[in-house]
C-alpha atoms as a PDB file:
ATOM      1  CA  UNK A   1     211.121  70.030 107.253  1.00  0.00           C
ATOM      2  CA  UNK A   2     210.420  66.342 108.225  1.00  0.00           C
ATOM      3  CA  UNK A   3     206.865  67.037 109.104  1.00  0.00           C
ATOM      4  CA  UNK A   4     206.166  68.627 106.682  1.00  0.00           C
ATOM      5  CA  UNK A   5     206.671  66.129 104.355  1.00  0.00           C
ATOM      6  CA  UNK A   6     205.077  63.046 106.088  1.00  0.00           C
ATOM      7  CA  UNK A   7     201.980  66.031 106.654  1.00  0.00           C
ATOM      8  CA  UNK A   8     202.526  65.397 110.325  1.00  0.00           C
ATOM      9  CA  UNK A   9     201.202  68.766 112.458  1.00  0.00           C
ATOM     10  CA  UNK A  10     203.350  71.026 113.099  1.00  0.00           C
ATOM     11  CA  UNK A  11     201.917  73.035 116.642  1.00  0.00           C
ATOM     12  CA  UNK A  12     203.283  70.064 118.693  1.00  0.00           C
ATOM     13  CA  UNK A  13     207.042  71.029 117.179  1.00  0.00           C
ATOM     14  CA  UNK A  14     206.131  74.718 117.235  1.00  0.00           C
ATOM     15  CA  UNK A  15     205.045  75.064 120.362  1.00  0.00           C
ATOM     16  CA  UNK A  16     207.995  73.424 121.759  1.00  0.00           C
ATOM     17  CA  UNK A  17     210.341  75.505 119.786  1.00  0.00           C
ATOM     18  CA  UNK A  18     208.807  78.794 121.238  1.00  0.00           C
ATOM     19  CA  UNK A  19     209.256  76.720 124.517  1.00  0.00           C
ATOM     20  CA  UNK A  20     212.725  76.584 124.517  1.00  0.00           C
ATOM     21  CA  UNK A  21     213.328  79.996 123.089  1.00  0.00           C
ATOM     22  CA  UNK A  22     211.584  81.402 126.228  1.00  0.00           C
ATOM     23  CA  UNK A  23     213.229  79.536 128.404  1.00  0.00           C
ATOM     24  CA  UNK A  24     216.908  80.494 125.610  1.00  0.00           C
ATOM     25  CA  UNK A  25     215.547  83.834 126.365  1.00  0.00           C
ATOM     26  CA  UNK A  26     215.480  83.744 130.568  1.00  0.00           C
ATOM     27  CA  UNK A  27     218.935  82.155 130.261  1.00  0.00           C
ATOM     28  CA  UNK A  28     220.784  85.005 128.113  1.00  0.00           C
ATOM     29  CA  UNK A  29     218.745  87.354 130.283  1.00  0.00           C
ATOM     30  CA  UNK A  30     219.998  86.503 134.062  1.00  0.00           C
ATOM     31  CA  UNK A  31     223.253  85.963 131.367  1.00  0.00           C
ATOM     32  CA  UNK A  32     224.040  82.040 133.567  1.00  0.00           C
ATOM     33  CA  UNK A  33     222.800  78.839 131.758  1.00  0.00           C
ATOM     34  CA  UNK A  34     220.585  77.904 134.239  1.00  0.00           C
ATOM     35  CA  UNK A  35     218.398  80.644 134.002  1.00  0.00           C
ATOM     36  CA  UNK A  36     216.870  77.719 131.166  1.00  0.00           C
ATOM     37  CA  UNK A  37     215.106  76.249 134.008  1.00  0.00           C
ATOM     38  CA  UNK A  38     213.404  79.514 135.537  1.00  0.00           C
ATOM     39  CA  UNK A  39     210.316  79.013 133.474  1.00  0.00           C
ATOM     40  CA  UNK A  40     210.123  75.953 134.232  1.00  0.00           C
ATOM     41  CA  UNK A  41     210.611  75.856 137.998  1.00  0.00           C
ATOM     42  CA  UNK A  42     208.416  78.906 138.219  1.00  0.00           C
ATOM     43  CA  UNK A  43     205.350  76.786 136.271  1.00  0.00           C
ATOM     44  CA  UNK A  44     205.276  73.934 138.684  1.00  0.00           C
ATOM     45  CA  UNK A  45     205.285  76.322 141.290  1.00  0.00           C
ATOM     46  CA  UNK A  46     202.114  78.301 139.575  1.00  0.00           C
ATOM     47  CA  UNK A  47     200.126  74.619 138.423  1.00  0.00           C
ATOM     48  CA  UNK A  48     200.682  73.424 142.390  1.00  0.00           C
ATOM     49  CA  UNK A  49     198.459  76.792 142.757  1.00  0.00           C
ATOM     50  CA  UNK A  50     195.695  76.584 140.520  1.00  0.00           C
ATOM     51  CA  UNK A  51     195.624  72.553 141.209  1.00  0.00           C
ATOM     52  CA  UNK A  52     195.142  73.527 144.869  1.00  0.00           C
ATOM     53  CA  UNK A  53     192.975  76.406 144.300  1.00  0.00           C
ATOM     54  CA  UNK A  54     190.799  74.382 142.495  1.00  0.00           C
ATOM     55  CA  UNK A  55     190.499  71.464 145.557  1.00  0.00           C
ATOM     56  CA  UNK A  56     189.873  74.590 147.730  1.00  0.00           C
ATOM     57  CA  UNK A  57     187.176  75.365 145.348  1.00  0.00           C
ATOM     58  CA  UNK A  58     185.169  71.828 145.060  1.00  0.00           C
ATOM     59  CA  UNK A  59     186.364  71.276 141.646  1.00  0.00           C
ATOM     60  CA  UNK A  60     188.984  69.759 141.476  1.00  0.00           C
ATOM     61  CA  UNK A  61     190.829  69.964 138.544  1.00  0.00           C
ATOM     62  CA  UNK A  62     191.876  66.659 138.038  1.00  0.00           C
ATOM     63  CA  UNK A  63     187.886  65.162 137.431  1.00  0.00           C
ATOM     64  CA  UNK A  64     186.633  68.467 135.554  1.00  0.00           C
ATOM     65  CA  UNK A  65     189.949  67.715 132.845  1.00  0.00           C
ATOM     66  CA  UNK A  66     189.017  64.143 132.963  1.00  0.00           C
ATOM     67  CA  UNK A  67     184.882  64.605 132.446  1.00  0.00           C
ATOM     68  CA  UNK A  68     185.675  66.874 130.006  1.00  0.00           C
ATOM     69  CA  UNK A  69     188.794  65.138 127.851  1.00  0.00           C
ATOM     70  CA  UNK A  70     186.233  61.683 128.609  1.00  0.00           C
ATOM     71  CA  UNK A  71     182.966  63.694 127.784  1.00  0.00           C
ATOM     72  CA  UNK A  72     181.263  62.470 130.961  1.00  0.00           C
ATOM     73  CA  UNK A  73     181.250  66.447 132.181  1.00  0.00           C
ATOM     74  CA  UNK A  74     180.912  66.853 136.143  1.00  0.00           C
ATOM     75  CA  UNK A  75     177.756  64.830 136.282  1.00  0.00           C
ATOM     76  CA  UNK A  76     180.640  63.264 139.736  1.00  0.00           C
ATOM     77  CA  UNK A  77     180.170  66.539 141.245  1.00  0.00           C
ATOM     78  CA  UNK A  78     177.070  65.796 143.223  1.00  0.00           C
ATOM     79  CA  UNK A  79     178.931  61.717 144.036  1.00  0.00           C
ATOM     80  CA  UNK A  80     180.719  62.663 147.403  1.00  0.00           C
ATOM     81  CA  UNK A  81     182.380  59.912 146.838  1.00  0.00           C
ATOM     82  CA  UNK A  82     183.894  60.704 143.640  1.00  0.00           C
ATOM     83  CA  UNK A  83     184.502  64.576 144.388  1.00  0.00           C
ATOM     84  CA  UNK A  84     186.438  62.954 147.042  1.00  0.00           C
ATOM     85  CA  UNK A  85     188.641  61.163 144.574  1.00  0.00           C
ATOM     86  CA  UNK A  86     189.750  63.688 142.103  1.00  0.00           C
ATOM     87  CA  UNK A  87     190.685  65.505 144.817  1.00  0.00           C
ATOM     88  CA  UNK A  88     192.471  62.847 145.784  1.00  0.00           C
ATOM     89  CA  UNK A  89     193.798  63.046 142.328  1.00  0.00           C
ATOM     90  CA  UNK A  90     194.281  66.547 142.226  1.00  0.00           C
ATOM     91  CA  UNK A  91     196.454  66.785 145.029  1.00  0.00           C
ATOM     92  CA  UNK A  92     198.880  64.532 144.269  1.00  0.00           C
ATOM     93  CA  UNK A  93     198.988  66.053 140.648  1.00  0.00           C
ATOM     94  CA  UNK A  94     199.579  69.105 143.724  1.00  0.00           C
ATOM     95  CA  UNK A  95     202.206  67.437 145.395  1.00  0.00           C
ATOM     96  CA  UNK A  96     203.395  66.373 142.500  1.00  0.00           C
ATOM     97  CA  UNK A  97     204.061  70.122 140.435  1.00  0.00           C
ATOM     98  CA  UNK A  98     204.962  71.710 144.555  1.00  0.00           C
ATOM     99  CA  UNK A  99     208.000  69.123 144.962  1.00  0.00           C
ATOM    100  CA  UNK A 100     209.519  69.556 141.715  1.00  0.00           C
ATOM    101  CA  UNK A 101     209.667  73.357 141.839  1.00  0.00           C
ATOM    102  CA  UNK A 102     211.060  72.496 145.981  1.00  0.00           C
ATOM    103  CA  UNK A 103     213.389  70.725 145.056  1.00  0.00           C
ATOM    104  CA  UNK A 104     213.902  72.126 141.353  1.00  0.00           C
ATOM    105  CA  UNK A 105     214.098  76.245 143.216  1.00  0.00           C
ATOM    106  CA  UNK A 106     216.325  74.873 145.603  1.00  0.00           C
ATOM    107  CA  UNK A 107     219.149  73.228 143.157  1.00  0.00           C
ATOM    108  CA  UNK A 108     218.853  76.459 141.314  1.00  0.00           C
ATOM    109  CA  UNK A 109     219.679  78.752 144.298  1.00  0.00           C
ATOM    110  CA  UNK A 110     222.364  76.624 145.530  1.00  0.00           C
ATOM    111  CA  UNK A 111     223.643  76.512 141.669  1.00  0.00           C
ATOM    112  CA  UNK A 112     223.882  73.064 140.927  1.00  0.00           C
ATOM    113  CA  UNK A 113     222.903  73.434 137.083  1.00  0.00           C
ATOM    114  CA  UNK A 114     224.068  69.463 136.595  1.00  0.00           C
ATOM    115  CA  UNK A 115     221.541  67.866 139.304  1.00  0.00           C
ATOM    116  CA  UNK A 116     219.185  70.955 138.303  1.00  0.00           C
ATOM    117  CA  UNK A 117     218.763  69.062 134.801  1.00  0.00           C
ATOM    118  CA  UNK A 118     218.728  64.989 136.233  1.00  0.00           C
ATOM    119  CA  UNK A 119     216.114  66.323 138.681  1.00  0.00           C
ATOM    120  CA  UNK A 120     214.064  67.915 135.358  1.00  0.00           C
ATOM    121  CA  UNK A 121     214.478  64.550 133.574  1.00  0.00           C
ATOM    122  CA  UNK A 122     213.628  62.567 137.408  1.00  0.00           C
ATOM    123  CA  UNK A 123     210.648  64.406 138.101  1.00  0.00           C
ATOM    124  CA  UNK A 124     208.999  64.986 134.508  1.00  0.00           C
ATOM    125  CA  UNK A 125     207.356  62.536 133.152  1.00  0.00           C
ATOM    126  CA  UNK A 126     208.246  59.707 136.158  1.00  0.00           C
ATOM    127  CA  UNK A 127     205.933  61.725 138.560  1.00  0.00           C
ATOM    128  CA  UNK A 128     203.494  62.748 136.260  1.00  0.00           C
ATOM    129  CA  UNK A 129     202.534  59.784 134.704  1.00  0.00           C
ATOM    130  CA  UNK A 130     202.394  58.746 139.005  1.00  0.00           C
ATOM    131  CA  UNK A 131     199.500  61.274 138.952  1.00  0.00           C
ATOM    132  CA  UNK A 132     198.336  60.338 136.320  1.00  0.00           C
ATOM    133  CA  UNK A 133     197.885  56.736 137.537  1.00  0.00           C
ATOM    134  CA  UNK A 134     196.235  58.255 140.282  1.00  0.00           C
ATOM    135  CA  UNK A 135     193.900  60.308 138.189  1.00  0.00           C
ATOM    136  CA  UNK A 136     193.072  56.994 135.945  1.00  0.00           C
ATOM    137  CA  UNK A 137     192.153  55.550 139.028  1.00  0.00           C
ATOM    138  CA  UNK A 138     189.209  58.266 139.831  1.00  0.00           C
ATOM    139  CA  UNK A 139     188.487  58.207 137.037  1.00  0.00           C
ATOM    140  CA  UNK A 140     187.231  54.626 136.952  1.00  0.00           C
ATOM    141  CA  UNK A 141     186.220  54.430 140.524  1.00  0.00           C
ATOM    142  CA  UNK A 142     183.438  57.964 139.713  1.00  0.00           C
ATOM    143  CA  UNK A 143     182.564  56.586 136.412  1.00  0.00           C
ATOM    144  CA  UNK A 144     181.636  52.682 138.208  1.00  0.00           C
ATOM    145  CA  UNK A 145     179.803  54.469 140.901  1.00  0.00           C
ATOM    146  CA  UNK A 146     178.393  57.083 139.029  1.00  0.00           C
ATOM    147  CA  UNK A 147     176.756  53.770 136.677  1.00  0.00           C
ATOM    148  CA  UNK A 148     176.070  51.722 139.486  1.00  0.00           C
ATOM    149  CA  UNK A 149     173.950  54.543 141.217  1.00  0.00           C
ATOM    150  CA  UNK A 150     172.256  54.946 137.597  1.00  0.00           C
ATOM    151  CA  UNK A 151     171.460  51.417 136.857  1.00  0.00           C
ATOM    152  CA  UNK A 152     168.713  51.956 139.747  1.00  0.00           C
ATOM    153  CA  UNK A 153     167.202  54.712 138.452  1.00  0.00           C
ATOM    154  CA  UNK A 154     167.155  54.014 134.959  1.00  0.00           C
ATOM    155  CA  UNK A 155     165.335  50.594 135.602  1.00  0.00           C
END
């Protein structure tokens, strides 16, 4: 209601509500409060697999997304050091998602719901921030390389 009064978009609030509803449904179906965490745990595994696969097929997702968000496209794919930087960034994000899965699945299996909640928070934005810093490094390093390579050709 407050978003409507402030004329703010409803989509983020509705997305959050949908996510909580799905997780609550899973918890209800499993008959345990810890079931609330299952969707997030398995989402991390899926994300780790997708990011790893993108490196395996030589299209690191960190670079694809960075290029799409910044309008730089995929010119970096032809530059081996740039691709390597985006491989590192993508593998860093893969490690973040895989670590979340391993730790949280272990806590889930051990029935440590309190620690599971703590791990979800502690391994959430802080680890993602580290991964995004590596993506930022890769993006800047690639942009610098491509600009340098483009310079003499443009003259």
